[in-house]
Amino acid sequence: MAWLIKIIARAWKKSMTPQALTYEEKLNLLKNQVKGSLEDTWKKYTININLDTFLTISYIMLSTAVTILGFFGQATIAGIVGAILTLLLSFRKVFNFSEKASFCRGFHIQTKELRDKLTFKVSTEEELLAIVDSFIAMRNERILKNPMRGSLDK
């Protein structure tokens, strides 16, 4: 009996391949993928830009604190705050949040353009397939150009 279920499951799975889908089903599937990509890139953009902003404000405050502490003769505390500042600067340099945010924003804008083409310009299956090819190329470009980690040598 289990073999019969496997055969039926395989036949059903083959019938659900993209070639067996109608134009409307393909369009909806692609719209859902583009929507998911938009949500993902926006989430990554906001996380990276918020971290970059937080670190920038922290540098300004800690740099000011080091100067004020040095002015008032609190050398030990100024040294500790300076060490924390150096640690945060190195952290920012290694994880380059601003570059990641810029990359995600650019990719988000490209994905929005594809979404708009899907919504307003696609009327035939050939146009849909051209957008699918563009989306695949964009994802491959994202993988190849993704700024994963910075370096202290830059």
C-alpha atoms as a PDB file:
ATOM      1  CA  MET A   1       0.000   0.000   0.000  1.00  0.00           C
ATOM      2  CA  ALA A   2       2.897   2.396   0.794  1.00  0.00           C
ATOM      3  CA  TRP A   3       4.293   1.979  -2.731  1.00  0.00           C
ATOM      4  CA  LEU A   4       0.949   3.071  -4.193  1.00  0.00           C
ATOM      5  CA  ILE A   5       0.976   6.226  -2.077  1.00  0.00           C
ATOM      6  CA  LYS A   6       4.527   7.006  -3.251  1.00  0.00           C
ATOM      7  CA  ILE A   7       3.525   6.589  -6.905  1.00  0.00           C
ATOM      8  CA  ILE A   8       0.507   8.856  -6.451  1.00  0.00           C
ATOM      9  CA  ALA A   9       2.620  11.430  -4.601  1.00  0.00           C
ATOM     10  CA  ARG A  10       5.233  11.441  -7.398  1.00  0.00           C
ATOM     11  CA  ALA A  11       2.570  11.841 -10.058  1.00  0.00           C
ATOM     12  CA  TRP A  12       0.972  14.697  -8.153  1.00  0.00           C
ATOM     13  CA  LYS A  13       4.353  16.380  -7.617  1.00  0.00           C
ATOM     14  CA  LYS A  14       5.136  16.138 -11.351  1.00  0.00           C
ATOM     15  CA  SER A  15       1.789  17.682 -12.193  1.00  0.00           C
ATOM     16  CA  MET A  16       2.657  20.685  -9.999  1.00  0.00           C
ATOM     17  CA  THR A  17       5.847  21.616 -11.841  1.00  0.00           C
ATOM     18  CA  PRO A  18       6.010  25.209 -13.153  1.00  0.00           C
ATOM     19  CA  GLN A  19       5.373  24.016 -16.712  1.00  0.00           C
ATOM     20  CA  ALA A  20       1.975  22.644 -15.651  1.00  0.00           C
ATOM     21  CA  LEU A  21       0.946  25.912 -13.985  1.00  0.00           C
ATOM     22  CA  THR A  22      -1.243  28.430 -15.719  1.00  0.00           C
ATOM     23  CA  TYR A  23      -0.034  31.918 -16.557  1.00  0.00           C
ATOM     24  CA  GLU A  24      -1.967  33.396 -13.613  1.00  0.00           C
ATOM     25  CA  GLU A  25      -0.507  30.855 -11.176  1.00  0.00           C
ATOM     26  CA  LYS A  26       3.028  31.572 -12.398  1.00  0.00           C
ATOM     27  CA  LEU A  27       2.400  35.305 -12.099  1.00  0.00           C
ATOM     28  CA  ASN A  28       1.117  34.932  -8.532  1.00  0.00           C
ATOM     29  CA  LEU A  29       4.044  32.702  -7.535  1.00  0.00           C
ATOM     30  CA  LEU A  30       6.537  35.223  -8.887  1.00  0.00           C
ATOM     31  CA  LYS A  31       4.729  38.107  -7.198  1.00  0.00           C
ATOM     32  CA  ASN A  32       4.954  36.230  -3.883  1.00  0.00           C
ATOM     33  CA  GLN A  33       8.686  35.624  -4.371  1.00  0.00           C
ATOM     34  CA  VAL A  34       9.276  39.280  -5.201  1.00  0.00           C
ATOM     35  CA  LYS A  35       7.210  40.321  -2.163  1.00  0.00           C
ATOM     36  CA  GLY A  36       9.290  38.029   0.067  1.00  0.00           C
ATOM     37  CA  SER A  37      12.489  39.454  -1.377  1.00  0.00           C
ATOM     38  CA  LEU A  38      11.241  43.003  -0.736  1.00  0.00           C
ATOM     39  CA  GLU A  39      10.461  42.193   2.888  1.00  0.00           C
ATOM     40  CA  ASP A  40      13.829  40.485   3.372  1.00  0.00           C
ATOM     41  CA  THR A  41      15.915  43.301   1.872  1.00  0.00           C
ATOM     42  CA  TRP A  42      13.987  45.990   3.754  1.00  0.00           C
ATOM     43  CA  LYS A  43      14.460  44.145   7.053  1.00  0.00           C
ATOM     44  CA  LYS A  44      18.195  43.769   6.425  1.00  0.00           C
ATOM     45  CA  TYR A  45      18.468  47.412   5.350  1.00  0.00           C
ATOM     46  CA  THR A  46      16.767  48.727   8.491  1.00  0.00           C
ATOM     47  CA  ILE A  47      18.830  46.513  10.803  1.00  0.00           C
ATOM     48  CA  ASN A  48      22.115  47.579   9.200  1.00  0.00           C
ATOM     49  CA  ILE A  49      21.288  51.288   8.979  1.00  0.00           C
ATOM     50  CA  ASN A  50      20.073  51.335  12.591  1.00  0.00           C
ATOM     51  CA  LEU A  51      23.234  49.591  13.811  1.00  0.00           C
ATOM     52  CA  ASP A  52      25.397  52.006  11.826  1.00  0.00           C
ATOM     53  CA  THR A  53      23.528  55.011  13.232  1.00  0.00           C
ATOM     54  CA  PHE A  54      23.758  53.664  16.782  1.00  0.00           C
ATOM     55  CA  LEU A  55      27.489  53.071  16.454  1.00  0.00           C
ATOM     56  CA  THR A  56      28.084  56.525  14.970  1.00  0.00           C
ATOM     57  CA  ILE A  57      26.248  58.218  17.828  1.00  0.00           C
ATOM     58  CA  SER A  58      28.152  56.037  20.304  1.00  0.00           C
ATOM     59  CA  TYR A  59      31.489  57.131  18.807  1.00  0.00           C
ATOM     60  CA  ILE A  60      30.599  60.768  19.110  1.00  0.00           C
ATOM     61  CA  MET A  61      29.484  60.395  22.720  1.00  0.00           C
ATOM     62  CA  LEU A  62      32.461  58.262  23.746  1.00  0.00           C
ATOM     63  CA  SER A  63      34.952  60.557  22.001  1.00  0.00           C
ATOM     64  CA  THR A  64      33.463  63.527  23.813  1.00  0.00           C
ATOM     65  CA  ALA A  65      33.554  61.610  27.093  1.00  0.00           C
ATOM     66  CA  VAL A  66      37.254  60.779  26.648  1.00  0.00           C
ATOM     67  CA  THR A  67      38.038  64.444  26.050  1.00  0.00           C
ATOM     68  CA  ILE A  68      36.006  65.648  29.028  1.00  0.00           C
ATOM     69  CA  LEU A  69      37.422  62.962  31.327  1.00  0.00           C
ATOM     70  CA  GLY A  70      40.954  63.861  30.251  1.00  0.00           C
ATOM     71  CA  PHE A  71      40.244  67.529  30.864  1.00  0.00           C
ATOM     72  CA  PHE A  72      39.104  66.789  34.417  1.00  0.00           C
ATOM     73  CA  GLY A  73      42.095  64.565  35.161  1.00  0.00           C
ATOM     74  CA  GLN A  74      40.286  61.228  35.151  1.00  0.00           C
ATOM     75  CA  ALA A  75      42.956  59.420  33.169  1.00  0.00           C
ATOM     76  CA  THR A  76      42.014  55.885  34.255  1.00  0.00           C
ATOM     77  CA  ILE A  77      38.361  56.262  33.336  1.00  0.00           C
ATOM     78  CA  ALA A  78      39.309  58.076  30.124  1.00  0.00           C
ATOM     79  CA  GLY A  79      41.558  55.125  29.218  1.00  0.00           C
ATOM     80  CA  ILE A  80      38.734  52.647  29.809  1.00  0.00           C
ATOM     81  CA  VAL A  81      36.289  54.708  27.746  1.00  0.00           C
ATOM     82  CA  GLY A  82      38.962  55.058  25.038  1.00  0.00           C
ATOM     83  CA  ALA A  83      39.407  51.273  24.967  1.00  0.00           C
ATOM     84  CA  ILE A  84      35.638  50.821  24.584  1.00  0.00           C
ATOM     85  CA  LEU A  85      35.687  53.383  21.770  1.00  0.00           C
ATOM     86  CA  THR A  86      38.494  51.500  20.016  1.00  0.00           C
ATOM     87  CA  LEU A  87      36.566  48.240  20.381  1.00  0.00           C
ATOM     88  CA  LEU A  88      33.431  49.772  18.829  1.00  0.00           C
ATOM     89  CA  LEU A  89      35.418  51.346  15.985  1.00  0.00           C
ATOM     90  CA  SER A  90      36.984  47.981  15.203  1.00  0.00           C
ATOM     91  CA  PHE A  91      33.568  46.317  15.377  1.00  0.00           C
ATOM     92  CA  ARG A  92      32.171  48.793  12.856  1.00  0.00           C
ATOM     93  CA  LYS A  93      35.161  48.378  10.569  1.00  0.00           C
ATOM     94  CA  VAL A  94      34.883  44.584  10.561  1.00  0.00           C
ATOM     95  CA  PHE A  95      31.120  44.353  10.041  1.00  0.00           C
ATOM     96  CA  ASN A  96      30.744  47.437   7.749  1.00  0.00           C
ATOM     97  CA  PHE A  97      27.063  48.063   8.465  1.00  0.00           C
ATOM     98  CA  SER A  98      26.823  51.147   6.248  1.00  0.00           C
ATOM     99  CA  GLU A  99      28.060  49.237   3.190  1.00  0.00           C
ATOM    100  CA  LYS A 100      25.637  46.398   3.891  1.00  0.00           C
ATOM    101  CA  ALA A 101      22.774  48.877   4.308  1.00  0.00           C
ATOM    102  CA  SER A 102      23.656  50.566   1.026  1.00  0.00           C
ATOM    103  CA  PHE A 103      23.815  47.215  -0.753  1.00  0.00           C
ATOM    104  CA  CYS A 104      20.438  46.100   0.644  1.00  0.00           C
ATOM    105  CA  ARG A 105      18.854  49.417  -0.277  1.00  0.00           C
ATOM    106  CA  GLY A 106      20.070  49.134  -3.867  1.00  0.00           C
ATOM    107  CA  PHE A 107      18.819  45.580  -4.155  1.00  0.00           C
ATOM    108  CA  HIS A 108      15.498  46.614  -2.582  1.00  0.00           C
ATOM    109  CA  ILE A 109      15.066  49.337  -5.206  1.00  0.00           C
ATOM    110  CA  GLN A 110      15.807  46.891  -8.040  1.00  0.00           C
ATOM    111  CA  THR A 111      13.268  44.455  -6.604  1.00  0.00           C
ATOM    112  CA  LYS A 112      10.663  47.227  -6.396  1.00  0.00           C
ATOM    113  CA  GLU A 113      11.232  47.920 -10.089  1.00  0.00           C
ATOM    114  CA  LEU A 114      10.583  44.253 -10.861  1.00  0.00           C
ATOM    115  CA  ARG A 115       7.458  44.343  -8.712  1.00  0.00           C
ATOM    116  CA  ASP A 116       6.187  47.353 -10.653  1.00  0.00           C
ATOM    117  CA  LYS A 117       6.907  45.647 -13.975  1.00  0.00           C
ATOM    118  CA  LEU A 118       4.988  42.603 -12.766  1.00  0.00           C
ATOM    119  CA  THR A 119       2.079  44.740 -11.681  1.00  0.00           C
ATOM    120  CA  PHE A 120       1.806  47.131 -14.618  1.00  0.00           C
ATOM    121  CA  LYS A 121       3.702  45.816 -17.649  1.00  0.00           C
ATOM    122  CA  VAL A 122       3.297  42.044 -17.856  1.00  0.00           C
ATOM    123  CA  SER A 123       0.575  40.867 -20.199  1.00  0.00           C
ATOM    124  CA  THR A 124       2.071  37.797 -21.869  1.00  0.00           C
ATOM    125  CA  GLU A 125       3.906  34.734 -20.679  1.00  0.00           C
ATOM    126  CA  GLU A 126       7.019  35.774 -22.634  1.00  0.00           C
ATOM    127  CA  GLU A 127       7.194  39.023 -20.674  1.00  0.00           C
ATOM    128  CA  LEU A 128       6.716  37.066 -17.463  1.00  0.00           C
ATOM    129  CA  LEU A 129       9.579  34.725 -18.358  1.00  0.00           C
ATOM    130  CA  ALA A 130      11.807  37.728 -19.127  1.00  0.00           C
ATOM    131  CA  ILE A 131      11.089  39.101 -15.653  1.00  0.00           C
ATOM    132  CA  VAL A 132      11.808  35.686 -14.138  1.00  0.00           C
ATOM    133  CA  ASP A 133      15.193  35.743 -15.872  1.00  0.00           C
ATOM    134  CA  SER A 134      15.829  39.266 -14.534  1.00  0.00           C
ATOM    135  CA  PHE A 135      14.883  38.172 -11.022  1.00  0.00           C
ATOM    136  CA  ILE A 136      17.206  35.162 -11.181  1.00  0.00           C
ATOM    137  CA  ALA A 137      20.060  37.331 -12.471  1.00  0.00           C
ATOM    138  CA  MET A 138      19.419  39.832  -9.694  1.00  0.00           C
ATOM    139  CA  ARG A 139      19.533  37.124  -7.023  1.00  0.00           C
ATOM    140  CA  ASN A 140      22.780  35.766  -8.462  1.00  0.00           C
ATOM    141  CA  GLU A 141      24.248  39.276  -8.460  1.00  0.00           C
ATOM    142  CA  ARG A 142      23.191  39.665  -4.836  1.00  0.00           C
ATOM    143  CA  ILE A 143      25.020  36.485  -3.897  1.00  0.00           C
ATOM    144  CA  LEU A 144      28.206  37.470  -5.738  1.00  0.00           C
ATOM    145  CA  LYS A 145      28.385  41.107  -4.601  1.00  0.00           C
ATOM    146  CA  ASN A 146      27.109  40.741  -1.045  1.00  0.00           C
ATOM    147  CA  PRO A 147      29.461  42.569   1.361  1.00  0.00           C
ATOM    148  CA  MET A 148      29.694  39.817   3.939  1.00  0.00           C
ATOM    149  CA  ARG A 149      32.489  41.073   6.156  1.00  0.00           C
ATOM    150  CA  GLY A 150      34.831  43.992   6.210  1.00  0.00           C
ATOM    151  CA  SER A 151      38.455  44.081   7.091  1.00  0.00           C
ATOM    152  CA  LEU A 152      40.671  46.001   9.458  1.00  0.00           C
ATOM    153  CA  ASP A 153      43.099  46.543   6.552  1.00  0.00           C
ATOM    154  CA  LYS A 154      40.805  48.899   4.574  1.00  0.00           C
END
